[in-house]
Amino acid sequence: MYRQGDVLIIPVKSIPKKLEPVERENGRIVLAHGEVTGHAHAIKNEGAALFRDPKLMAVFMTVNGDAVMLEHDEHDTIVIPPGNYQVVRQREYSPEAIRNVAD
């Protein structure tokens, strides 16, 4: 597993079929936007692709070819090797609501 701030990347054997591709933003795939700083957890490498399952509200990533770099302005860069992954945003509980962690 790989963690960068509030983003957890879990290796999976395969990803579901019939996923919706997530478009790149300014040439990069964005795993999560920072609500506080505006910085993003992003991959610039072309070998990575992001997909969304609208029914499960789950996000998956494939990395083909060479390893890719997950970058963020406030965290160390992480090298992600080729494979299939599920991308999970960390959540927190409060009596008012369960919400995504603000990074």
C-alpha atoms as a PDB file:
ATOM      1  CA  MET A   1       0.000   0.000   0.000  1.00  0.00           C
ATOM      2  CA  TYR A   2       1.032   3.583  -0.553  1.00  0.00           C
ATOM      3  CA  ARG A   3      -0.137   6.656   1.351  1.00  0.00           C
ATOM      4  CA  GLN A   4       0.370  10.303   0.569  1.00  0.00           C
ATOM      5  CA  GLY A   5      -1.476  12.575   2.973  1.00  0.00           C
ATOM      6  CA  ASP A   6      -5.176  11.724   2.808  1.00  0.00           C
ATOM      7  CA  VAL A   7      -4.805   9.442  -0.255  1.00  0.00           C
ATOM      8  CA  LEU A   8      -4.363   5.668   0.142  1.00  0.00           C
ATOM      9  CA  ILE A   9      -3.399   3.544  -2.895  1.00  0.00           C
ATOM     10  CA  ILE A  10      -4.130  -0.165  -2.510  1.00  0.00           C
ATOM     11  CA  PRO A  11      -2.802  -2.773  -4.979  1.00  0.00           C
ATOM     12  CA  VAL A  12      -5.574  -4.996  -6.405  1.00  0.00           C
ATOM     13  CA  LYS A  13      -5.361  -8.066  -8.658  1.00  0.00           C
ATOM     14  CA  SER A  14      -7.731  -6.561 -11.213  1.00  0.00           C
ATOM     15  CA  ILE A  15     -10.093  -3.662 -11.630  1.00  0.00           C
ATOM     16  CA  PRO A  16     -13.813  -3.957 -12.423  1.00  0.00           C
ATOM     17  CA  LYS A  17     -14.984  -3.815 -16.009  1.00  0.00           C
ATOM     18  CA  LYS A  18     -17.212  -1.012 -17.360  1.00  0.00           C
ATOM     19  CA  LEU A  19     -15.523   1.824 -15.498  1.00  0.00           C
ATOM     20  CA  GLU A  20     -15.712   5.449 -16.595  1.00  0.00           C
ATOM     21  CA  PRO A  21     -12.334   6.971 -17.515  1.00  0.00           C
ATOM     22  CA  VAL A  22     -11.414  10.115 -15.586  1.00  0.00           C
ATOM     23  CA  GLU A  23     -10.029  12.833 -17.838  1.00  0.00           C
ATOM     24  CA  ARG A  24      -6.631  14.352 -17.219  1.00  0.00           C
ATOM     25  CA  GLU A  25      -6.431  17.870 -15.811  1.00  0.00           C
ATOM     26  CA  ASN A  26      -3.726  19.958 -17.451  1.00  0.00           C
ATOM     27  CA  GLY A  27      -1.996  16.776 -18.648  1.00  0.00           C
ATOM     28  CA  ARG A  28      -1.992  14.971 -15.310  1.00  0.00           C
ATOM     29  CA  ILE A  29      -4.300  12.611 -13.451  1.00  0.00           C
ATOM     30  CA  VAL A  30      -5.468  14.038 -10.148  1.00  0.00           C
ATOM     31  CA  LEU A  31      -6.178  11.561  -7.363  1.00  0.00           C
ATOM     32  CA  ALA A  32      -7.392  14.260  -4.974  1.00  0.00           C
ATOM     33  CA  HIS A  33      -7.568  18.036  -4.756  1.00  0.00           C
ATOM     34  CA  GLY A  34      -6.470  19.741  -1.546  1.00  0.00           C
ATOM     35  CA  GLU A  35      -9.400  21.628  -0.060  1.00  0.00           C
ATOM     36  CA  VAL A  36      -7.242  23.824   2.170  1.00  0.00           C
ATOM     37  CA  THR A  37      -4.129  24.558   0.086  1.00  0.00           C
ATOM     38  CA  GLY A  38      -5.396  23.965  -3.443  1.00  0.00           C
ATOM     39  CA  HIS A  39      -2.525  21.546  -4.083  1.00  0.00           C
ATOM     40  CA  ALA A  40      -3.331  18.235  -5.762  1.00  0.00           C
ATOM     41  CA  HIS A  41      -2.134  14.655  -5.436  1.00  0.00           C
ATOM     42  CA  ALA A  42      -1.254  14.149  -9.112  1.00  0.00           C
ATOM     43  CA  ILE A  43       0.629  11.988 -11.601  1.00  0.00           C
ATOM     44  CA  LYS A  44       2.097  13.558 -14.746  1.00  0.00           C
ATOM     45  CA  ASN A  45       3.378  10.328 -16.329  1.00  0.00           C
ATOM     46  CA  GLU A  46       1.445   9.050 -19.361  1.00  0.00           C
ATOM     47  CA  GLY A  47       1.581   5.442 -18.116  1.00  0.00           C
ATOM     48  CA  ALA A  48      -1.097   6.022 -15.491  1.00  0.00           C
ATOM     49  CA  ALA A  49      -4.857   6.157 -16.037  1.00  0.00           C
ATOM     50  CA  LEU A  50      -7.689   6.821 -13.596  1.00  0.00           C
ATOM     51  CA  PHE A  51     -11.176   5.280 -13.685  1.00  0.00           C
ATOM     52  CA  ARG A  52     -14.366   5.744 -11.677  1.00  0.00           C
ATOM     53  CA  ASP A  53     -17.111   3.262 -10.841  1.00  0.00           C
ATOM     54  CA  PRO A  54     -20.227   5.481 -10.536  1.00  0.00           C
ATOM     55  CA  LYS A  55     -22.291   2.778  -8.819  1.00  0.00           C
ATOM     56  CA  LEU A  56     -19.770   2.014  -6.097  1.00  0.00           C
ATOM     57  CA  MET A  57     -18.356   5.560  -5.961  1.00  0.00           C
ATOM     58  CA  ALA A  58     -14.935   3.886  -6.152  1.00  0.00           C
ATOM     59  CA  VAL A  59     -11.827   5.080  -7.982  1.00  0.00           C
ATOM     60  CA  PHE A  60      -9.268   2.791  -9.635  1.00  0.00           C
ATOM     61  CA  MET A  61      -5.911   3.420 -11.286  1.00  0.00           C
ATOM     62  CA  THR A  62      -3.799   1.457 -13.721  1.00  0.00           C
ATOM     63  CA  VAL A  63      -0.060   1.958 -14.168  1.00  0.00           C
ATOM     64  CA  ASN A  64       1.416   0.481 -17.346  1.00  0.00           C
ATOM     65  CA  GLY A  65       5.025   0.419 -18.505  1.00  0.00           C
ATOM     66  CA  ASP A  66       7.398   2.205 -16.147  1.00  0.00           C
ATOM     67  CA  ALA A  67       6.717   3.268 -12.579  1.00  0.00           C
ATOM     68  CA  VAL A  68       5.054   6.667 -12.111  1.00  0.00           C
ATOM     69  CA  MET A  69       5.565   9.478  -9.617  1.00  0.00           C
ATOM     70  CA  LEU A  70       2.758  10.639  -7.319  1.00  0.00           C
ATOM     71  CA  GLU A  71       3.514  14.266  -6.507  1.00  0.00           C
ATOM     72  CA  HIS A  72       2.147  16.838  -4.070  1.00  0.00           C
ATOM     73  CA  ASP A  73       3.649  20.176  -3.048  1.00  0.00           C
ATOM     74  CA  GLU A  74       3.518  19.369   0.673  1.00  0.00           C
ATOM     75  CA  HIS A  75       4.387  15.642   0.679  1.00  0.00           C
ATOM     76  CA  ASP A  76       7.307  13.532  -0.479  1.00  0.00           C
ATOM     77  CA  THR A  77       7.015  12.128  -4.003  1.00  0.00           C
ATOM     78  CA  ILE A  78       6.018   8.447  -4.068  1.00  0.00           C
ATOM     79  CA  VAL A  79       7.030   5.981  -6.793  1.00  0.00           C
ATOM     80  CA  ILE A  80       4.124   3.736  -7.844  1.00  0.00           C
ATOM     81  CA  PRO A  81       5.140   0.591  -9.779  1.00  0.00           C
ATOM     82  CA  PRO A  82       3.121  -0.876 -12.668  1.00  0.00           C
ATOM     83  CA  GLY A  83      -0.096  -2.586 -11.608  1.00  0.00           C
ATOM     84  CA  ASN A  84      -3.757  -2.104 -10.729  1.00  0.00           C
ATOM     85  CA  TYR A  85      -4.840  -0.047  -7.749  1.00  0.00           C
ATOM     86  CA  GLN A  86      -7.851   1.214  -5.854  1.00  0.00           C
ATOM     87  CA  VAL A  87      -7.563   4.832  -4.729  1.00  0.00           C
ATOM     88  CA  VAL A  88      -9.197   5.650  -1.386  1.00  0.00           C
ATOM     89  CA  ARG A  89      -9.611   9.045   0.263  1.00  0.00           C
ATOM     90  CA  GLN A  90      -9.164   8.980   4.022  1.00  0.00           C
ATOM     91  CA  ARG A  91     -12.368   9.824   5.873  1.00  0.00           C
ATOM     92  CA  GLU A  92     -12.943  11.088   9.373  1.00  0.00           C
ATOM     93  CA  TYR A  93     -15.862  10.824  11.741  1.00  0.00           C
ATOM     94  CA  SER A  94     -17.429  13.629  13.707  1.00  0.00           C
ATOM     95  CA  PRO A  95     -20.846  13.630  15.396  1.00  0.00           C
ATOM     96  CA  GLU A  96     -22.150  15.911  12.634  1.00  0.00           C
ATOM     97  CA  ALA A  97     -21.028  13.851   9.638  1.00  0.00           C
ATOM     98  CA  ILE A  98     -18.559  11.419   8.103  1.00  0.00           C
ATOM     99  CA  ARG A  99     -16.409  13.436   5.689  1.00  0.00           C
ATOM    100  CA  ASN A 100     -13.224  13.300   3.637  1.00  0.00           C
ATOM    101  CA  VAL A 101     -10.134  14.513   5.440  1.00  0.00           C
ATOM    102  CA  ALA A 102      -9.150  18.024   4.305  1.00  0.00           C
ATOM    103  CA  ASP A 103      -5.551  18.132   3.097  1.00  0.00           C
END
